[in-house]
Amino acid sequence: MNLTYKGLLLALLHVGIVSSLGVKLLYDRAYRPRVWIKSAPVDPNLPIRGRYLSLRIQVPAEGFQTRREFSPYQKDKDGKPLMVDFTVPNQCDLELRNGQLTAIANPQGEFWGVSIRQTNTGMMADVPSQTTYFLPEHAPDPSRLKPGEELWIEATIPRKGPPRPIRLGIKKDGVLTPLHID
């Protein structure tokens, strides 16, 4: 076998590997559940990787406990330790419950560094994840919100791993409007 055939065989192998990933993602998009998730942008532009939104998702939380104790790292102006709320555990798994993505406390969970806050509707988890939405070069930055607006993502929920964003939306006055970013 000469070098031309070996090169073509290697190129076909690479095309097959990339195509299999594309087929898996298309299959997941067609057959895995989709859900709208409230999110918050983090670091919207890194020159090395292009324009994208790195998103922190905000979901209801179950099974977490908070405890107040003195922090060895945070001190008041007199140098005395401050009382701080700690979340136990700070790891979780994400599950669909009643059509809504929910953070379930798990000390060996897939997502770590979860911060929990109490709201008037219950406990909410801010899950720092690897959820990234890439933007076209000349599209306006959707993370610059007006007062009263919230950024949401529609995402496919895979069996394992972070949600895979499909599109963005803005929620204002209880109405979610998908964005058409071209």
Protein backbone atom coordinates (compact mmCIF):
# COMPACT_ATOMS: atom_id res chain seq x y z
CA MET A 1 0.00 0.00 0.00
CA ASN A 2 1.54 3.31 -1.00
CA LEU A 3 1.45 6.59 0.94
CA THR A 4 -1.50 8.01 -1.03
CA TYR A 5 -3.78 5.16 0.02
CA LYS A 6 -2.55 5.29 3.62
CA GLY A 7 -3.26 9.05 3.69
CA LEU A 8 -6.75 8.55 2.25
CA LEU A 9 -7.47 5.76 4.74
CA LEU A 10 -6.36 7.99 7.62
CA ALA A 11 -8.49 10.88 6.31
CA LEU A 12 -11.55 8.57 6.05
CA LEU A 13 -10.93 7.36 9.58
CA HIS A 14 -10.89 10.97 10.86
CA VAL A 15 -14.05 11.83 8.92
CA GLY A 16 -15.73 8.74 10.40
CA ILE A 17 -14.79 9.68 13.96
CA VAL A 18 -16.02 13.27 13.60
CA SER A 19 -19.20 12.10 11.83
CA SER A 20 -19.97 9.59 14.60
CA LEU A 21 -19.83 12.42 17.16
CA GLY A 22 -22.17 14.51 15.00
CA VAL A 23 -24.59 11.59 14.66
CA LYS A 24 -24.56 11.04 18.45
CA LEU A 25 -25.31 14.73 19.10
CA LEU A 26 -28.12 14.73 16.50
CA TYR A 27 -29.55 11.54 18.02
CA ASP A 28 -29.45 13.08 21.51
CA ARG A 29 -31.15 16.24 20.24
CA ALA A 30 -33.93 14.17 18.64
CA TYR A 31 -34.53 11.68 21.46
CA ARG A 32 -33.27 13.14 24.76
CA PRO A 33 -35.46 15.55 26.73
CA ARG A 34 -35.23 19.30 26.16
CA VAL A 35 -35.83 21.89 28.82
CA TRP A 36 -35.51 25.64 29.29
CA ILE A 37 -33.04 26.51 32.07
CA LYS A 38 -32.41 29.87 33.71
CA SER A 39 -28.77 30.81 33.30
CA ALA A 40 -26.28 33.54 34.00
CA PRO A 41 -23.38 34.43 31.70
CA VAL A 42 -19.80 34.15 32.89
CA ASP A 43 -16.80 35.41 30.86
CA PRO A 44 -18.56 36.19 27.55
CA ASN A 45 -15.49 36.70 25.32
CA LEU A 46 -12.13 34.93 25.30
CA PRO A 47 -10.01 35.91 22.26
CA ILE A 48 -8.33 32.52 21.94
CA ARG A 49 -11.58 30.58 21.54
CA GLY A 50 -13.77 33.13 19.77
CA ARG A 51 -17.08 34.60 20.89
CA TYR A 52 -19.06 32.48 23.26
CA LEU A 53 -21.08 32.59 26.43
CA SER A 54 -19.95 30.39 29.27
CA LEU A 55 -23.12 29.80 31.26
CA ARG A 56 -23.80 29.03 34.90
CA ILE A 57 -27.17 27.36 35.22
CA GLN A 58 -29.63 28.19 37.99
CA VAL A 59 -31.96 25.37 38.98
CA PRO A 60 -34.08 24.30 41.98
CA ALA A 61 -32.12 22.31 44.59
CA GLU A 62 -33.06 19.27 46.66
CA GLY A 63 -31.27 17.52 49.52
CA PHE A 64 -28.79 20.26 50.39
CA GLN A 65 -28.23 21.51 53.91
CA THR A 66 -26.62 24.74 55.02
CA ARG A 67 -24.80 25.31 58.25
CA ARG A 68 -23.41 28.49 59.77
CA GLU A 69 -19.89 28.45 61.12
CA PHE A 70 -16.88 30.70 61.42
CA SER A 71 -14.87 30.98 58.23
CA PRO A 72 -11.08 30.71 58.56
CA TYR A 73 -10.75 32.72 55.33
CA GLN A 74 -13.18 35.62 55.77
CA LYS A 75 -12.62 38.17 58.50
CA ASP A 76 -14.32 41.39 59.52
CA LYS A 77 -12.58 44.77 59.77
CA ASP A 78 -11.26 43.88 63.26
CA GLY A 79 -9.70 40.63 62.00
CA LYS A 80 -12.26 38.35 63.65
CA PRO A 81 -13.65 35.40 61.64
CA LEU A 82 -17.07 35.96 60.07
CA MET A 83 -20.04 33.63 60.34
CA VAL A 84 -20.66 32.16 56.89
CA ASP A 85 -23.22 29.73 55.45
CA PHE A 86 -21.63 26.56 54.09
CA THR A 87 -23.49 24.16 51.82
CA VAL A 88 -23.23 20.46 52.57
CA PRO A 89 -22.49 18.79 50.21
CA ASN A 90 -21.38 21.18 47.48
CA GLN A 91 -21.58 18.49 44.79
CA CYS A 92 -24.67 17.43 42.89
CA ASP A 93 -26.17 15.53 39.99
CA LEU A 94 -28.65 17.09 37.59
CA GLU A 95 -31.95 15.29 37.03
CA LEU A 96 -35.20 16.07 35.27
CA ARG A 97 -38.05 16.21 37.76
CA ASN A 98 -41.55 17.14 36.59
CA GLY A 99 -40.18 18.66 33.38
CA GLN A 100 -37.67 20.84 35.23
CA LEU A 101 -33.93 20.36 35.65
CA THR A 102 -33.11 19.98 39.36
CA ALA A 103 -29.83 19.81 41.30
CA ILE A 104 -29.87 16.77 43.59
CA ALA A 105 -27.32 16.73 46.43
CA ASN A 106 -24.74 13.97 46.05
CA PRO A 107 -21.33 14.00 47.80
CA GLN A 108 -19.86 12.12 44.81
CA GLY A 109 -21.87 14.09 42.25
CA GLU A 110 -20.80 14.97 38.75
CA PHE A 111 -21.00 18.75 39.30
CA TRP A 112 -19.04 20.41 42.11
CA GLY A 113 -18.65 23.91 43.46
CA VAL A 114 -22.42 24.34 43.66
CA SER A 115 -23.59 27.38 45.59
CA ILE A 116 -26.99 27.21 47.23
CA ARG A 117 -29.18 30.16 48.10
CA GLN A 118 -32.55 30.36 49.75
CA THR A 119 -35.23 32.21 47.76
CA ASN A 120 -38.90 32.86 48.46
CA THR A 121 -39.73 29.88 46.18
CA GLY A 122 -37.28 27.44 47.82
CA MET A 123 -33.63 26.50 47.51
CA MET A 124 -31.87 27.38 44.26
CA ALA A 125 -28.53 26.01 43.05
CA ASP A 126 -26.05 27.94 40.93
CA VAL A 127 -24.25 25.15 39.09
CA PRO A 128 -20.99 26.18 37.47
CA SER A 129 -20.83 23.92 34.46
CA GLN A 130 -19.13 23.51 31.17
CA THR A 131 -22.22 24.75 29.34
CA THR A 132 -21.03 26.96 26.48
CA TYR A 133 -22.98 28.69 23.72
CA PHE A 134 -20.94 29.91 20.73
CA LEU A 135 -22.00 33.14 19.06
CA PRO A 136 -21.64 34.16 15.41
CA GLU A 137 -19.00 36.82 14.89
CA HIS A 138 -21.31 39.78 14.22
CA ALA A 139 -24.25 38.79 16.43
CA PRO A 140 -25.09 41.15 19.31
CA ASP A 141 -24.06 39.94 22.76
CA PRO A 142 -27.25 38.50 24.37
CA SER A 143 -25.66 38.53 27.83
CA ARG A 144 -26.10 42.31 28.08
CA LEU A 145 -29.56 42.34 29.57
CA LYS A 146 -31.89 45.20 30.31
CA PRO A 147 -33.39 45.56 33.79
CA GLY A 148 -36.09 42.93 34.41
CA GLU A 149 -34.71 40.50 31.80
CA GLU A 150 -33.33 37.02 32.46
CA LEU A 151 -31.18 34.86 30.16
CA TRP A 152 -32.47 31.33 29.55
CA ILE A 153 -31.16 28.45 27.46
CA GLU A 154 -33.04 25.62 25.82
CA ALA A 155 -30.85 22.58 26.27
CA THR A 156 -30.76 18.89 25.54
CA ILE A 157 -30.23 16.88 28.73
CA PRO A 158 -27.81 14.02 28.04
CA ARG A 159 -27.63 10.91 30.21
CA LYS A 160 -24.33 12.15 31.61
CA GLY A 161 -22.55 15.49 31.44
CA PRO A 162 -23.64 19.11 31.31
CA PRO A 163 -26.72 20.31 29.41
CA ARG A 164 -26.07 20.96 25.71
CA PRO A 165 -27.49 24.35 24.72
CA ILE A 166 -29.63 24.59 21.59
CA ARG A 167 -30.74 28.21 21.67
CA LEU A 168 -31.00 31.22 23.93
CA GLY A 169 -34.06 33.08 25.13
CA ILE A 170 -34.90 36.19 27.13
CA LYS A 171 -37.56 36.06 29.82
CA LYS A 172 -39.25 39.34 30.69
CA ASP A 173 -42.45 39.77 32.69
CA GLY A 174 -42.95 36.00 32.73
CA VAL A 175 -42.79 35.65 28.93
CA LEU A 176 -39.94 33.64 27.41
CA THR A 177 -38.96 34.78 23.92
CA PRO A 178 -36.42 32.66 21.98
CA LEU A 179 -33.64 34.69 20.37
CA HIS A 180 -32.87 34.32 16.66
CA ILE A 181 -29.10 34.69 16.54
CA ASP A 182 -27.70 34.54 13.02
